[in-house]
Amino acid sequence: MLVRKVVEKKAADPAHPMEFDDFMKRELWDRFKRVSGVVVFAECRFAFSRINYHAHPANLISHSTMGAIEEILSGADWKPFAVTTAAW
């Protein structure tokens, strides 16, 4: 929560545009490098994924690993999680 507030404050301050860049490099870049990849869902269905090629070597995943993750998630039964208006 604290990081979000600092990011919003720094990003919204046009008088100090370099402060946000410095904050990104100092505080967030290392955290972004800990993310191996991102998986995106659309209404509980697998939509797509991306590998973070800038991840630290210990956090990097291969294309075959991401392919296996995609295969598992795209074959999952999403119907129990679907949002319907019938219960409303």
C-alpha atoms as a PDB file:
ATOM      1  CA  MET A   1       0.000   0.000   0.000  1.00  0.00           C
ATOM      2  CA  LEU A   2       2.785   2.395   0.879  1.00  0.00           C
ATOM      3  CA  VAL A   3       4.547   1.746  -2.441  1.00  0.00           C
ATOM      4  CA  ARG A   4       1.355   2.534  -4.384  1.00  0.00           C
ATOM      5  CA  LYS A   5       0.911   5.866  -2.605  1.00  0.00           C
ATOM      6  CA  VAL A   6       4.526   6.840  -3.258  1.00  0.00           C
ATOM      7  CA  VAL A   7       4.214   5.870  -6.929  1.00  0.00           C
ATOM      8  CA  GLU A   8       1.009   7.877  -7.315  1.00  0.00           C
ATOM      9  CA  LYS A   9       2.537  10.903  -5.604  1.00  0.00           C
ATOM     10  CA  LYS A  10       5.741  10.813  -7.641  1.00  0.00           C
ATOM     11  CA  ALA A  11       3.970  10.099 -10.935  1.00  0.00           C
ATOM     12  CA  ALA A  12       1.539  12.965 -10.385  1.00  0.00           C
ATOM     13  CA  ASP A  13       4.212  15.568  -9.662  1.00  0.00           C
ATOM     14  CA  PRO A  14       5.116  17.280 -12.964  1.00  0.00           C
ATOM     15  CA  ALA A  15       7.559  19.565 -11.127  1.00  0.00           C
ATOM     16  CA  HIS A  16       9.871  16.613 -10.415  1.00  0.00           C
ATOM     17  CA  PRO A  17       9.681  14.152 -13.327  1.00  0.00           C
ATOM     18  CA  MET A  18      13.078  12.624 -12.553  1.00  0.00           C
ATOM     19  CA  GLU A  19      12.023  11.668  -9.023  1.00  0.00           C
ATOM     20  CA  PHE A  20       9.631   9.076 -10.406  1.00  0.00           C
ATOM     21  CA  ASP A  21      12.330   7.619 -12.679  1.00  0.00           C
ATOM     22  CA  ASP A  22      14.737   7.431  -9.757  1.00  0.00           C
ATOM     23  CA  PHE A  23      12.073   5.804  -7.603  1.00  0.00           C
ATOM     24  CA  MET A  24      11.373   3.232 -10.320  1.00  0.00           C
ATOM     25  CA  LYS A  25      15.046   2.343 -10.664  1.00  0.00           C
ATOM     26  CA  ARG A  26      15.733   2.313  -6.933  1.00  0.00           C
ATOM     27  CA  GLU A  27      12.605   0.664  -5.549  1.00  0.00           C
ATOM     28  CA  LEU A  28      10.573  -1.145  -8.175  1.00  0.00           C
ATOM     29  CA  TRP A  29      12.907  -2.464 -10.868  1.00  0.00           C
ATOM     30  CA  ASP A  30      14.314  -5.186  -8.620  1.00  0.00           C
ATOM     31  CA  ARG A  31      10.793  -6.232  -7.655  1.00  0.00           C
ATOM     32  CA  PHE A  32       9.733  -6.483 -11.296  1.00  0.00           C
ATOM     33  CA  LYS A  33      12.711  -8.766 -11.912  1.00  0.00           C
ATOM     34  CA  ARG A  34      11.329 -11.239  -9.369  1.00  0.00           C
ATOM     35  CA  VAL A  35       8.259 -11.893 -11.543  1.00  0.00           C
ATOM     36  CA  SER A  36       8.745 -14.883 -13.846  1.00  0.00           C
ATOM     37  CA  GLY A  37       5.750 -14.190 -16.031  1.00  0.00           C
ATOM     38  CA  VAL A  38       2.179 -13.004 -16.141  1.00  0.00           C
ATOM     39  CA  VAL A  39      -0.966 -15.007 -16.828  1.00  0.00           C
ATOM     40  CA  VAL A  40      -4.094 -13.091 -17.814  1.00  0.00           C
ATOM     41  CA  PHE A  41      -7.635 -14.366 -17.426  1.00  0.00           C
ATOM     42  CA  ALA A  42     -10.851 -13.127 -19.010  1.00  0.00           C
ATOM     43  CA  GLU A  43     -13.942 -14.083 -17.009  1.00  0.00           C
ATOM     44  CA  CYS A  44     -12.168 -17.024 -15.340  1.00  0.00           C
ATOM     45  CA  ARG A  45     -10.864 -18.304 -18.691  1.00  0.00           C
ATOM     46  CA  PHE A  46      -7.214 -18.357 -19.605  1.00  0.00           C
ATOM     47  CA  ALA A  47      -6.602 -15.531 -22.098  1.00  0.00           C
ATOM     48  CA  PHE A  48      -2.836 -15.273 -22.623  1.00  0.00           C
ATOM     49  CA  SER A  49       0.518 -15.236 -20.879  1.00  0.00           C
ATOM     50  CA  ARG A  50       3.828 -13.440 -21.167  1.00  0.00           C
ATOM     51  CA  ILE A  51       7.294 -14.382 -19.992  1.00  0.00           C
ATOM     52  CA  ASN A  52       9.328 -11.703 -18.240  1.00  0.00           C
ATOM     53  CA  TYR A  53      12.619 -11.815 -20.125  1.00  0.00           C
ATOM     54  CA  HIS A  54      14.080  -9.262 -17.674  1.00  0.00           C
ATOM     55  CA  ALA A  55      13.613 -11.539 -14.651  1.00  0.00           C
ATOM     56  CA  HIS A  56      16.574 -12.481 -12.495  1.00  0.00           C
ATOM     57  CA  PRO A  57      18.170 -15.733 -13.698  1.00  0.00           C
ATOM     58  CA  ALA A  58      16.791 -17.539 -10.641  1.00  0.00           C
ATOM     59  CA  ASN A  59      13.273 -16.414 -11.586  1.00  0.00           C
ATOM     60  CA  LEU A  60      13.410 -16.990 -15.336  1.00  0.00           C
ATOM     61  CA  ILE A  61      11.122 -19.654 -16.782  1.00  0.00           C
ATOM     62  CA  SER A  62      11.484 -21.364 -20.126  1.00  0.00           C
ATOM     63  CA  HIS A  63       9.080 -21.342 -23.041  1.00  0.00           C
ATOM     64  CA  SER A  64       8.364 -25.015 -22.448  1.00  0.00           C
ATOM     65  CA  THR A  65       7.439 -24.309 -18.819  1.00  0.00           C
ATOM     66  CA  MET A  66       5.134 -21.460 -19.830  1.00  0.00           C
ATOM     67  CA  GLY A  67       3.653 -23.709 -22.521  1.00  0.00           C
ATOM     68  CA  ALA A  68       2.884 -26.358 -19.904  1.00  0.00           C
ATOM     69  CA  ILE A  69       1.249 -23.748 -17.680  1.00  0.00           C
ATOM     70  CA  GLU A  70      -0.839 -22.489 -20.626  1.00  0.00           C
ATOM     71  CA  GLU A  71      -1.892 -26.044 -21.492  1.00  0.00           C
ATOM     72  CA  ILE A  72      -3.029 -26.760 -17.944  1.00  0.00           C
ATOM     73  CA  LEU A  73      -4.893 -23.473 -17.575  1.00  0.00           C
ATOM     74  CA  SER A  74      -6.555 -23.523 -21.002  1.00  0.00           C
ATOM     75  CA  GLY A  75      -7.887 -27.025 -20.335  1.00  0.00           C
ATOM     76  CA  ALA A  76      -9.293 -26.152 -16.922  1.00  0.00           C
ATOM     77  CA  ASP A  77     -13.026 -26.361 -16.379  1.00  0.00           C
ATOM     78  CA  TRP A  78     -13.981 -22.730 -15.839  1.00  0.00           C
ATOM     79  CA  LYS A  79     -17.778 -23.236 -15.662  1.00  0.00           C
ATOM     80  CA  PRO A  80     -17.970 -23.595 -11.843  1.00  0.00           C
ATOM     81  CA  PHE A  81     -16.380 -20.163 -11.574  1.00  0.00           C
ATOM     82  CA  ALA A  82     -18.441 -18.388 -14.228  1.00  0.00           C
ATOM     83  CA  VAL A  83     -20.389 -15.383 -13.030  1.00  0.00           C
ATOM     84  CA  THR A  84     -24.071 -15.507 -13.917  1.00  0.00           C
ATOM     85  CA  THR A  85     -27.010 -13.297 -13.118  1.00  0.00           C
ATOM     86  CA  ALA A  86     -29.283 -16.286 -12.384  1.00  0.00           C
ATOM     87  CA  ALA A  87     -28.502 -16.180  -8.655  1.00  0.00           C
ATOM     88  CA  TRP A  88     -29.180 -12.464  -8.406  1.00  0.00           C
END
